Amino acid sequence: MKKIIFILLMFISASSYACDICGCGGSNLYLGLLPNFKSTFIGLRYHYSQFHTVLANDPSEYSHNYYNTIEAWGGWNIGKRWQVLGFIPYYYNKQMDDDGPSSKSGLGDITLLGNYLLLHTKKSTNQNDIVENELWIGAGVKLPTGGFRVNPSDSNTTVADINSQIGTGSTDFILNALYIFRFNRFGVSTTVNYKMNTANSSDYKYGNKLTATSLAFYRLRFGKMAMSPNAGVLYENTAGNNLSGEKVQYTGGWAVSAVAGIEFSFNKITAGFNLQDPLSQDYASGQTKMQFRGMAHITFAL
């Protein structure tokens, strides 16, 4: 298993899920559909994913990884144009490989994001249709609260030691844009964020990551309850990692996933889930495959 970990060193290091192979500390920001709220909201989200790895030249060396994240998150509208979001993840992850089972858990890296409402238009057509547009832009920071407690330059440190860290040990920065189009009960929400990582105190730098999500949704009302089925696509592209300025081999990659889910709202409570199935991907020369991901949440508007 040490060979497989060496070859596949943190191939998807900006993932929001944690594992001994793919680099749990990378921390990706996934927004999805934001809940409707006027002032403040708090909530919990549960993320799950699994990756399977088989070494191409030795199928006896393999790894099955199961990643679980419980994330507290919240938002606060400041006036009519400013918004602050916060994300606090806790990881519990399990790995089954040819060396046996292992697990790791702990507090991950906290992320703070601020958005500004650059554009908001709402008008009625001659046919009494309502057309609305919103464009938010923002920036954020990921704090090294998860911890990176190894020295990658130490000859006694293995690649497995590096990959099993819950945090990156670095302060990283995020650029974010969110566009929402609504036509009566139909809408499309598109989010793009770019995460720029810095080197940590051990001179290890995780690869920068671009994430883009576009979800179409339709809002149905049943008395005081509303339901919004949604579907779309998620694209992720991760650059390679660097140690002391040198690129780490077999790191970085990309994936395109289909997303489908549903949201339920009742008064000030919103709950929902989505499933993410990879359509195409390229990680570690095809030796590692993302099998499945999903997310469920419940939020409360205050």
C-alpha atoms as a PDB file:
ATOM      1  CA  MET A   1       0.000   0.000   0.000  1.00  0.00           C
ATOM      2  CA  LYS A   2       2.947   2.375   0.557  1.00  0.00           C
ATOM      3  CA  LYS A   3       3.717   2.137  -3.164  1.00  0.00           C
ATOM      4  CA  ILE A   4       0.206   3.115  -4.125  1.00  0.00           C
ATOM      5  CA  ILE A   5       0.229   6.033  -1.714  1.00  0.00           C
ATOM      6  CA  PHE A   6       3.585   7.201  -3.101  1.00  0.00           C
ATOM      7  CA  ILE A   7       2.360   7.148  -6.691  1.00  0.00           C
ATOM      8  CA  LEU A   8      -0.987   8.789  -5.985  1.00  0.00           C
ATOM      9  CA  LEU A   9       0.224  11.493  -3.589  1.00  0.00           C
ATOM     10  CA  MET A  10      -2.713  13.833  -2.991  1.00  0.00           C
ATOM     11  CA  PHE A  11      -4.053  13.611  -6.519  1.00  0.00           C
ATOM     12  CA  ILE A  12      -7.203  15.465  -5.490  1.00  0.00           C
ATOM     13  CA  SER A  13      -5.814  17.510  -2.642  1.00  0.00           C
ATOM     14  CA  ALA A  14      -8.431  20.263  -2.826  1.00  0.00           C
ATOM     15  CA  SER A  15     -11.257  17.881  -2.071  1.00  0.00           C
ATOM     16  CA  SER A  16     -13.645  18.791   0.694  1.00  0.00           C
ATOM     17  CA  TYR A  17     -13.452  15.208   1.937  1.00  0.00           C
ATOM     18  CA  ALA A  18     -10.649  13.606   3.876  1.00  0.00           C
ATOM     19  CA  CYS A  19      -8.634  10.433   3.321  1.00  0.00           C
ATOM     20  CA  ASP A  20      -5.143   8.979   3.561  1.00  0.00           C
ATOM     21  CA  ILE A  21      -4.670   8.897  -0.216  1.00  0.00           C
ATOM     22  CA  CYS A  22      -6.341  11.937  -1.658  1.00  0.00           C
ATOM     23  CA  GLY A  23      -5.404  14.505   0.968  1.00  0.00           C
ATOM     24  CA  CYS A  24      -8.121  15.317   3.436  1.00  0.00           C
ATOM     25  CA  GLY A  25      -6.814  18.727   4.347  1.00  0.00           C
ATOM     26  CA  GLY A  26      -7.356  20.395   0.985  1.00  0.00           C
ATOM     27  CA  SER A  27     -10.831  21.697   1.865  1.00  0.00           C
ATOM     28  CA  ASN A  28     -13.085  22.550  -1.035  1.00  0.00           C
ATOM     29  CA  LEU A  29     -15.939  25.050  -0.790  1.00  0.00           C
ATOM     30  CA  TYR A  30     -19.271  23.706  -2.032  1.00  0.00           C
ATOM     31  CA  LEU A  31     -22.221  26.119  -1.929  1.00  0.00           C
ATOM     32  CA  GLY A  32     -25.001  24.434  -3.893  1.00  0.00           C
ATOM     33  CA  LEU A  33     -28.387  26.116  -3.533  1.00  0.00           C
ATOM     34  CA  LEU A  34     -28.369  28.681  -0.743  1.00  0.00           C
ATOM     35  CA  PRO A  35     -31.461  28.718   1.520  1.00  0.00           C
ATOM     36  CA  ASN A  36     -33.851  31.657   1.315  1.00  0.00           C
ATOM     37  CA  PHE A  37     -33.302  33.918   4.311  1.00  0.00           C
ATOM     38  CA  LYS A  38     -33.800  37.610   5.058  1.00  0.00           C
ATOM     39  CA  SER A  39     -31.349  38.125   7.908  1.00  0.00           C
ATOM     40  CA  THR A  40     -29.521  35.094   9.325  1.00  0.00           C
ATOM     41  CA  PHE A  41     -29.452  31.311   8.968  1.00  0.00           C
ATOM     42  CA  ILE A  42     -27.630  28.424  10.642  1.00  0.00           C
ATOM     43  CA  GLY A  43     -27.540  24.781   9.647  1.00  0.00           C
ATOM     44  CA  LEU A  44     -25.815  21.442   9.407  1.00  0.00           C
ATOM     45  CA  ARG A  45     -24.648  19.662   6.262  1.00  0.00           C
ATOM     46  CA  TYR A  46     -23.442  16.091   5.843  1.00  0.00           C
ATOM     47  CA  HIS A  47     -21.117  15.245   2.943  1.00  0.00           C
ATOM     48  CA  TYR A  48     -20.233  11.719   1.861  1.00  0.00           C
ATOM     49  CA  SER A  49     -17.981  10.417  -0.882  1.00  0.00           C
ATOM     50  CA  GLN A  50     -15.998   7.359  -1.842  1.00  0.00           C
ATOM     51  CA  PHE A  51     -12.951   6.780  -4.027  1.00  0.00           C
ATOM     52  CA  HIS A  52     -11.492   3.457  -5.168  1.00  0.00           C
ATOM     53  CA  THR A  53      -7.850   3.032  -6.189  1.00  0.00           C
ATOM     54  CA  VAL A  54      -6.067   0.104  -7.839  1.00  0.00           C
ATOM     55  CA  LEU A  55      -2.399   0.291  -8.797  1.00  0.00           C
ATOM     56  CA  ALA A  56      -2.105  -0.276 -12.559  1.00  0.00           C
ATOM     57  CA  ASN A  57       1.020  -2.443 -12.465  1.00  0.00           C
ATOM     58  CA  ASP A  58       0.039  -4.362  -9.307  1.00  0.00           C
ATOM     59  CA  PRO A  59      -3.726  -4.947  -8.783  1.00  0.00           C
ATOM     60  CA  SER A  60      -3.009  -6.562  -5.395  1.00  0.00           C
ATOM     61  CA  GLU A  61      -2.370  -3.054  -4.040  1.00  0.00           C
ATOM     62  CA  TYR A  62      -5.669  -1.219  -3.663  1.00  0.00           C
ATOM     63  CA  SER A  63      -7.554   1.236  -1.476  1.00  0.00           C
ATOM     64  CA  HIS A  64     -11.256   1.891  -0.818  1.00  0.00           C
ATOM     65  CA  ASN A  65     -11.828   5.271   0.853  1.00  0.00           C
ATOM     66  CA  TYR A  66     -15.016   6.477   2.545  1.00  0.00           C
ATOM     67  CA  TYR A  67     -15.152  10.126   3.548  1.00  0.00           C
ATOM     68  CA  ASN A  68     -17.658  11.703   5.930  1.00  0.00           C
ATOM     69  CA  THR A  69     -17.917  15.388   6.795  1.00  0.00           C
ATOM     70  CA  ILE A  70     -20.330  17.030   9.213  1.00  0.00           C
ATOM     71  CA  GLU A  71     -20.290  20.753   8.560  1.00  0.00           C
ATOM     72  CA  ALA A  72     -21.823  23.565  10.584  1.00  0.00           C
ATOM     73  CA  TRP A  73     -22.529  26.569   8.391  1.00  0.00           C
ATOM     74  CA  GLY A  74     -24.347  29.865   8.571  1.00  0.00           C
ATOM     75  CA  GLY A  75     -25.025  33.143   6.808  1.00  0.00           C
ATOM     76  CA  TRP A  76     -25.703  36.742   7.743  1.00  0.00           C
ATOM     77  CA  ASN A  77     -27.107  39.458   5.479  1.00  0.00           C
ATOM     78  CA  ILE A  78     -25.671  42.880   6.294  1.00  0.00           C
ATOM     79  CA  GLY A  79     -27.966  45.489   4.819  1.00  0.00           C
ATOM     80  CA  LYS A  80     -29.249  44.832   1.308  1.00  0.00           C
ATOM     81  CA  ARG A  81     -25.973  44.134  -0.504  1.00  0.00           C
ATOM     82  CA  TRP A  82     -23.544  42.387   1.844  1.00  0.00           C
ATOM     83  CA  GLN A  83     -23.524  38.770   2.978  1.00  0.00           C
ATOM     84  CA  VAL A  84     -21.144  36.770   5.199  1.00  0.00           C
ATOM     85  CA  LEU A  85     -20.963  32.949   5.165  1.00  0.00           C
ATOM     86  CA  GLY A  86     -19.037  30.611   7.481  1.00  0.00           C
ATOM     87  CA  PHE A  87     -18.193  26.876   7.282  1.00  0.00           C
ATOM     88  CA  ILE A  88     -16.845  24.678  10.120  1.00  0.00           C
ATOM     89  CA  PRO A  89     -16.154  21.043   9.039  1.00  0.00           C
ATOM     90  CA  TYR A  90     -15.537  17.965  11.152  1.00  0.00           C
ATOM     91  CA  TYR A  91     -14.117  14.913   9.378  1.00  0.00           C
ATOM     92  CA  TYR A  92     -14.552  11.216  10.020  1.00  0.00           C
ATOM     93  CA  ASN A  93     -12.950   9.033   7.355  1.00  0.00           C
ATOM     94  CA  LYS A  94     -12.257   5.371   6.838  1.00  0.00           C
ATOM     95  CA  GLN A  95      -9.821   3.605   4.536  1.00  0.00           C
ATOM     96  CA  MET A  96      -9.839  -0.100   3.628  1.00  0.00           C
ATOM     97  CA  ASP A  97      -6.758  -1.283   1.744  1.00  0.00           C
ATOM     98  CA  ASP A  98      -4.414  -4.236   1.348  1.00  0.00           C
ATOM     99  CA  ASP A  99      -2.665  -3.218   4.587  1.00  0.00           C
ATOM    100  CA  GLY A 100      -5.921  -3.322   6.567  1.00  0.00           C
ATOM    101  CA  PRO A 101      -8.443  -0.738   7.849  1.00  0.00           C
ATOM    102  CA  SER A 102      -7.609   2.709   9.233  1.00  0.00           C
ATOM    103  CA  SER A 103      -9.544   5.836  10.179  1.00  0.00           C
ATOM    104  CA  LYS A 104      -8.977   9.480  11.077  1.00  0.00           C
ATOM    105  CA  SER A 105     -11.216  12.211  12.475  1.00  0.00           C
ATOM    106  CA  GLY A 106     -11.033  15.779  13.695  1.00  0.00           C
ATOM    107  CA  LEU A 107     -11.851  19.428  13.146  1.00  0.00           C
ATOM    108  CA  GLY A 108     -10.999  20.632   9.642  1.00  0.00           C
ATOM    109  CA  ASP A 109     -10.091  24.031   8.230  1.00  0.00           C
ATOM    110  CA  ILE A 110     -12.657  26.784   8.841  1.00  0.00           C
ATOM    111  CA  THR A 111     -13.706  28.921   5.854  1.00  0.00           C
ATOM    112  CA  LEU A 112     -15.142  32.452   5.893  1.00  0.00           C
ATOM    113  CA  LEU A 113     -16.656  34.029   2.790  1.00  0.00           C
ATOM    114  CA  GLY A 114     -17.993  37.522   2.106  1.00  0.00           C
ATOM    115  CA  ASN A 115     -20.284  38.346  -0.852  1.00  0.00           C
ATOM    116  CA  TYR A 116     -21.443  41.620  -2.387  1.00  0.00           C
ATOM    117  CA  LEU A 117     -24.661  41.972  -4.422  1.00  0.00           C
ATOM    118  CA  LEU A 118     -23.363  43.590  -7.604  1.00  0.00           C
ATOM    119  CA  LEU A 119     -26.589  43.321  -9.620  1.00  0.00           C
ATOM    120  CA  HIS A 120     -30.257  42.739  -8.780  1.00  0.00           C
ATOM    121  CA  THR A 121     -33.116  43.296 -11.221  1.00  0.00           C
ATOM    122  CA  LYS A 122     -36.740  42.191 -11.003  1.00  0.00           C
ATOM    123  CA  LYS A 123     -39.479  43.042 -13.493  1.00  0.00           C
ATOM    124  CA  SER A 124     -42.813  41.873 -14.851  1.00  0.00           C
ATOM    125  CA  THR A 125     -43.445  41.193 -18.539  1.00  0.00           C
ATOM    126  CA  ASN A 126     -46.596  42.020 -20.451  1.00  0.00           C
ATOM    127  CA  GLN A 127     -47.747  38.455 -19.787  1.00  0.00           C
ATOM    128  CA  ASN A 128     -47.357  38.993 -16.012  1.00  0.00           C
ATOM    129  CA  ASP A 129     -44.271  36.793 -15.885  1.00  0.00           C
ATOM    130  CA  ILE A 130     -41.653  37.646 -13.262  1.00  0.00           C
ATOM    131  CA  VAL A 131     -38.013  37.799 -14.380  1.00  0.00           C
ATOM    132  CA  GLU A 132     -35.312  38.243 -11.745  1.00  0.00           C
ATOM    133  CA  ASN A 133     -31.495  38.367 -11.900  1.00  0.00           C
ATOM    134  CA  GLU A 134     -28.950  38.375  -9.065  1.00  0.00           C
ATOM    135  CA  LEU A 135     -25.165  38.552  -9.322  1.00  0.00           C
ATOM    136  CA  TRP A 136     -23.026  38.176  -6.215  1.00  0.00           C
ATOM    137  CA  ILE A 137     -19.240  38.463  -6.127  1.00  0.00           C
ATOM    138  CA  GLY A 138     -17.045  37.763  -3.161  1.00  0.00           C
ATOM    139  CA  ALA A 139     -13.836  36.610  -1.572  1.00  0.00           C
ATOM    140  CA  GLY A 140     -12.905  34.528   1.414  1.00  0.00           C
ATOM    141  CA  VAL A 141     -10.215  32.906   3.485  1.00  0.00           C
ATOM    142  CA  LYS A 142      -9.594  29.346   4.696  1.00  0.00           C
ATOM    143  CA  LEU A 143      -7.885  29.201   8.077  1.00  0.00           C
ATOM    144  CA  PRO A 144      -5.394  26.474   9.123  1.00  0.00           C
ATOM    145  CA  THR A 145      -7.517  25.264  12.049  1.00  0.00           C
ATOM    146  CA  GLY A 146      -7.339  21.612  11.001  1.00  0.00           C
ATOM    147  CA  GLY A 147      -3.635  21.284  11.571  1.00  0.00           C
ATOM    148  CA  PHE A 148      -0.714  19.947   9.507  1.00  0.00           C
ATOM    149  CA  ARG A 149       1.569  18.203  11.997  1.00  0.00           C
ATOM    150  CA  VAL A 150       4.284  16.525   9.932  1.00  0.00           C
ATOM    151  CA  ASN A 151       7.523  17.597   8.263  1.00  0.00           C
ATOM    152  CA  PRO A 152       7.441  16.430   4.602  1.00  0.00           C
ATOM    153  CA  SER A 153      11.197  17.085   4.255  1.00  0.00           C
ATOM    154  CA  ASP A 154      12.067  14.695   7.100  1.00  0.00           C
ATOM    155  CA  SER A 155      13.458  11.393   5.782  1.00  0.00           C
ATOM    156  CA  ASN A 156      11.413   9.537   8.419  1.00  0.00           C
ATOM    157  CA  THR A 157       8.147  11.070   7.200  1.00  0.00           C
ATOM    158  CA  THR A 158       6.212   8.879   4.775  1.00  0.00           C
ATOM    159  CA  VAL A 159       3.802  10.062   2.115  1.00  0.00           C
ATOM    160  CA  ALA A 160       1.037   8.412   4.131  1.00  0.00           C
ATOM    161  CA  ASP A 161       1.891  10.733   7.049  1.00  0.00           C
ATOM    162  CA  ILE A 162       1.433  13.774   4.807  1.00  0.00           C
ATOM    163  CA  ASN A 163      -1.774  12.588   3.203  1.00  0.00           C
ATOM    164  CA  SER A 164      -3.489  11.698   6.465  1.00  0.00           C
ATOM    165  CA  GLN A 165      -3.478  15.253   7.784  1.00  0.00           C
ATOM    166  CA  ILE A 166      -6.896  16.768   8.509  1.00  0.00           C
ATOM    167  CA  GLY A 167      -5.802  20.316   7.548  1.00  0.00           C
ATOM    168  CA  THR A 168      -3.412  21.899   5.080  1.00  0.00           C
ATOM    169  CA  GLY A 169      -1.513  23.982   7.617  1.00  0.00           C
ATOM    170  CA  SER A 170      -1.841  26.967   5.283  1.00  0.00           C
ATOM    171  CA  THR A 171      -3.960  30.100   5.020  1.00  0.00           C
ATOM    172  CA  ASP A 172      -5.677  30.016   1.625  1.00  0.00           C
ATOM    173  CA  PHE A 173      -7.798  32.496  -0.313  1.00  0.00           C
ATOM    174  CA  ILE A 174     -11.013  32.174  -2.327  1.00  0.00           C
ATOM    175  CA  LEU A 175     -12.607  34.187  -5.128  1.00  0.00           C
ATOM    176  CA  ASN A 176     -16.322  33.543  -5.605  1.00  0.00           C
ATOM    177  CA  ALA A 177     -19.164  34.490  -7.968  1.00  0.00           C
ATOM    178  CA  LEU A 178     -22.836  33.482  -7.805  1.00  0.00           C
ATOM    179  CA  TYR A 179     -25.443  34.213 -10.496  1.00  0.00           C
ATOM    180  CA  ILE A 180     -29.137  33.394 -10.038  1.00  0.00           C
ATOM    181  CA  PHE A 181     -31.743  33.670 -12.797  1.00  0.00           C
ATOM    182  CA  ARG A 182     -35.449  33.214 -12.043  1.00  0.00           C
ATOM    183  CA  PHE A 183     -38.408  33.070 -14.390  1.00  0.00           C
ATOM    184  CA  ASN A 184     -41.573  32.639 -12.328  1.00  0.00           C
ATOM    185  CA  ARG A 185     -41.027  29.332 -10.510  1.00  0.00           C
ATOM    186  CA  PHE A 186     -38.106  28.209 -12.673  1.00  0.00           C
ATOM    187  CA  GLY A 187     -34.522  29.230 -11.984  1.00  0.00           C
ATOM    188  CA  VAL A 188     -30.842  28.537 -12.582  1.00  0.00           C
ATOM    189  CA  SER A 189     -28.144  29.016  -9.944  1.00  0.00           C
ATOM    190  CA  THR A 190     -24.514  29.092 -11.131  1.00  0.00           C
ATOM    191  CA  THR A 191     -21.535  29.296  -8.769  1.00  0.00           C
ATOM    192  CA  VAL A 192     -17.857  29.617  -9.660  1.00  0.00           C
ATOM    193  CA  ASN A 193     -15.095  29.727  -7.065  1.00  0.00           C
ATOM    194  CA  TYR A 194     -11.331  29.632  -7.325  1.00  0.00           C
ATOM    195  CA  LYS A 195      -9.221  28.647  -4.335  1.00  0.00           C
ATOM    196  CA  MET A 196      -5.631  29.917  -4.190  1.00  0.00           C
ATOM    197  CA  ASN A 197      -3.469  27.950  -1.770  1.00  0.00           C
ATOM    198  CA  THR A 198      -0.280  29.078  -0.108  1.00  0.00           C
ATOM    199  CA  ALA A 199       2.661  27.013   1.129  1.00  0.00           C
ATOM    200  CA  ASN A 200       2.490  25.968   4.756  1.00  0.00           C
ATOM    201  CA  SER A 201       5.313  26.187   7.297  1.00  0.00           C
ATOM    202  CA  SER A 202       6.708  22.915   5.912  1.00  0.00           C
ATOM    203  CA  ASP A 203       6.946  24.490   2.414  1.00  0.00           C
ATOM    204  CA  TYR A 204       4.216  22.174   1.106  1.00  0.00           C
ATOM    205  CA  LYS A 205       1.615  23.757  -1.180  1.00  0.00           C
ATOM    206  CA  TYR A 206      -1.626  22.094  -2.218  1.00  0.00           C
ATOM    207  CA  GLY A 207      -2.751  22.731  -5.807  1.00  0.00           C
ATOM    208  CA  ASN A 208      -5.121  25.600  -6.576  1.00  0.00           C
ATOM    209  CA  LYS A 209      -8.660  24.535  -7.431  1.00  0.00           C
ATOM    210  CA  LEU A 210     -11.406  25.773  -9.743  1.00  0.00           C
ATOM    211  CA  THR A 211     -14.966  24.633  -9.028  1.00  0.00           C
ATOM    212  CA  ALA A 212     -18.055  25.489 -11.089  1.00  0.00           C
ATOM    213  CA  THR A 213     -21.622  24.360 -10.398  1.00  0.00           C
ATOM    214  CA  SER A 214     -24.803  25.101 -12.349  1.00  0.00           C
ATOM    215  CA  LEU A 215     -28.171  23.874 -11.045  1.00  0.00           C
ATOM    216  CA  ALA A 216     -31.601  24.331 -12.612  1.00  0.00           C
ATOM    217  CA  PHE A 217     -34.530  24.224 -10.179  1.00  0.00           C
ATOM    218  CA  TYR A 218     -38.318  24.500 -10.178  1.00  0.00           C
ATOM    219  CA  ARG A 219     -40.262  25.724  -7.141  1.00  0.00           C
ATOM    220  CA  LEU A 220     -43.582  24.046  -6.298  1.00  0.00           C
ATOM    221  CA  ARG A 221     -45.889  25.230  -3.509  1.00  0.00           C
ATOM    222  CA  PHE A 222     -48.250  23.118  -1.392  1.00  0.00           C
ATOM    223  CA  GLY A 223     -49.875  25.445   1.111  1.00  0.00           C
ATOM    224  CA  LYS A 224     -47.160  26.560   3.535  1.00  0.00           C
ATOM    225  CA  MET A 225     -44.648  24.056   2.161  1.00  0.00           C
ATOM    226  CA  ALA A 226     -42.471  24.488  -0.926  1.00  0.00           C
ATOM    227  CA  MET A 227     -40.516  21.871  -2.846  1.00  0.00           C
ATOM    228  CA  SER A 228     -37.733  22.537  -5.350  1.00  0.00           C
ATOM    229  CA  PRO A 229     -36.357  19.641  -7.404  1.00  0.00           C
ATOM    230  CA  ASN A 230     -33.021  20.536  -9.010  1.00  0.00           C
ATOM    231  CA  ALA A 231     -30.460  19.083 -11.382  1.00  0.00           C
ATOM    232  CA  GLY A 232     -27.247  20.231 -13.009  1.00  0.00           C
ATOM    233  CA  VAL A 233     -23.529  19.704 -13.436  1.00  0.00           C
ATOM    234  CA  LEU A 234     -20.420  20.136 -11.262  1.00  0.00           C
ATOM    235  CA  TYR A 235     -16.915  20.706 -12.695  1.00  0.00           C
ATOM    236  CA  GLU A 236     -13.709  20.539 -10.635  1.00  0.00           C
ATOM    237  CA  ASN A 237     -10.122  21.121 -11.764  1.00  0.00           C
ATOM    238  CA  THR A 238      -7.216  20.799  -9.323  1.00  0.00           C
ATOM    239  CA  ALA A 239      -3.627  21.833 -10.068  1.00  0.00           C
ATOM    240  CA  GLY A 240      -0.677  19.739  -8.941  1.00  0.00           C
ATOM    241  CA  ASN A 241       0.866  20.051  -5.477  1.00  0.00           C
ATOM    242  CA  ASN A 242       4.341  21.440  -4.776  1.00  0.00           C
ATOM    243  CA  LEU A 243       7.047  20.663  -2.219  1.00  0.00           C
ATOM    244  CA  SER A 244       9.785  23.317  -1.921  1.00  0.00           C
ATOM    245  CA  GLY A 245       8.713  24.684  -5.294  1.00  0.00           C
ATOM    246  CA  GLU A 246       8.906  21.329  -7.084  1.00  0.00           C
ATOM    247  CA  LYS A 247       5.746  19.705  -8.471  1.00  0.00           C
ATOM    248  CA  VAL A 248       4.700  16.461  -6.812  1.00  0.00           C
ATOM    249  CA  GLN A 249       4.183  13.780  -9.472  1.00  0.00           C
ATOM    250  CA  TYR A 250       0.693  12.400 -10.159  1.00  0.00           C
ATOM    251  CA  THR A 251      -1.098  15.190  -8.302  1.00  0.00           C
ATOM    252  CA  GLY A 252      -3.934  17.294  -9.723  1.00  0.00           C
ATOM    253  CA  GLY A 253      -6.786  16.240 -11.966  1.00  0.00           C
ATOM    254  CA  TRP A 254     -10.345  17.007 -12.977  1.00  0.00           C
ATOM    255  CA  ALA A 255     -13.873  15.625 -12.832  1.00  0.00           C
ATOM    256  CA  VAL A 256     -17.313  16.392 -14.270  1.00  0.00           C
ATOM    257  CA  SER A 257     -20.294  15.147 -12.249  1.00  0.00           C
ATOM    258  CA  ALA A 258     -24.048  15.115 -12.742  1.00  0.00           C
ATOM    259  CA  VAL A 259     -25.962  16.519  -9.765  1.00  0.00           C
ATOM    260  CA  ALA A 260     -29.605  15.896  -8.833  1.00  0.00           C
ATOM    261  CA  GLY A 261     -31.465  16.722  -5.643  1.00  0.00           C
ATOM    262  CA  ILE A 262     -34.500  18.200  -3.974  1.00  0.00           C
ATOM    263  CA  GLU A 263     -35.145  20.968  -1.419  1.00  0.00           C
ATOM    264  CA  PHE A 264     -38.077  21.245   1.019  1.00  0.00           C
ATOM    265  CA  SER A 265     -39.084  24.442   2.805  1.00  0.00           C
ATOM    266  CA  PHE A 266     -41.615  24.932   5.585  1.00  0.00           C
ATOM    267  CA  ASN A 267     -41.828  28.318   7.290  1.00  0.00           C
ATOM    268  CA  LYS A 268     -38.218  29.040   8.326  1.00  0.00           C
ATOM    269  CA  ILE A 269     -36.893  25.488   7.953  1.00  0.00           C
ATOM    270  CA  THR A 270     -35.224  24.175   4.796  1.00  0.00           C
ATOM    271  CA  ALA A 271     -33.988  20.612   4.287  1.00  0.00           C
ATOM    272  CA  GLY A 272     -32.699  18.806   1.232  1.00  0.00           C
ATOM    273  CA  PHE A 273     -30.167  16.507  -0.347  1.00  0.00           C
ATOM    274  CA  ASN A 274     -28.377  15.884  -3.619  1.00  0.00           C
ATOM    275  CA  LEU A 275     -26.498  13.060  -5.292  1.00  0.00           C
ATOM    276  CA  GLN A 276     -23.375  13.557  -7.414  1.00  0.00           C
ATOM    277  CA  ASP A 277     -22.407  10.932  -9.969  1.00  0.00           C
ATOM    278  CA  PRO A 278     -19.148  11.328 -11.967  1.00  0.00           C
ATOM    279  CA  LEU A 279     -19.618  11.495 -15.734  1.00  0.00           C
ATOM    280  CA  SER A 280     -15.942  11.849 -16.652  1.00  0.00           C
ATOM    281  CA  GLN A 281     -12.726  12.163 -14.648  1.00  0.00           C
ATOM    282  CA  ASP A 282      -8.942  11.928 -14.803  1.00  0.00           C
ATOM    283  CA  TYR A 283      -7.042  11.366 -11.553  1.00  0.00           C
ATOM    284  CA  ALA A 284      -3.657   9.667 -11.189  1.00  0.00           C
ATOM    285  CA  SER A 285      -3.629   8.391 -14.784  1.00  0.00           C
ATOM    286  CA  GLY A 286      -6.934   6.637 -14.230  1.00  0.00           C
ATOM    287  CA  GLN A 287      -5.760   4.559 -11.270  1.00  0.00           C
ATOM    288  CA  THR A 288      -8.102   6.328  -8.845  1.00  0.00           C
ATOM    289  CA  LYS A 289     -11.843   6.655  -9.509  1.00  0.00           C
ATOM    290  CA  MET A 290     -14.390   8.765  -7.698  1.00  0.00           C
ATOM    291  CA  GLN A 291     -17.375   6.440  -7.220  1.00  0.00           C
ATOM    292  CA  PHE A 292     -20.072   8.553  -5.633  1.00  0.00           C
ATOM    293  CA  ARG A 293     -20.739  11.689  -3.602  1.00  0.00           C
ATOM    294  CA  GLY A 294     -23.768  13.087  -1.828  1.00  0.00           C
ATOM    295  CA  MET A 295     -24.863  15.845   0.524  1.00  0.00           C
ATOM    296  CA  ALA A 296     -27.800  16.351   2.920  1.00  0.00           C
ATOM    297  CA  HIS A 297     -28.627  19.420   5.007  1.00  0.00           C
ATOM    298  CA  ILE A 298     -31.057  21.161   7.297  1.00  0.00           C
ATOM    299  CA  THR A 299     -31.049  24.929   7.873  1.00  0.00           C
ATOM    300  CA  PHE A 300     -32.980  27.333  10.055  1.00  0.00           C
ATOM    301  CA  ALA A 301     -33.680  30.975   9.166  1.00  0.00           C
ATOM    302  CA  LEU A 302     -33.507  33.247  12.210  1.00  0.00           C
END
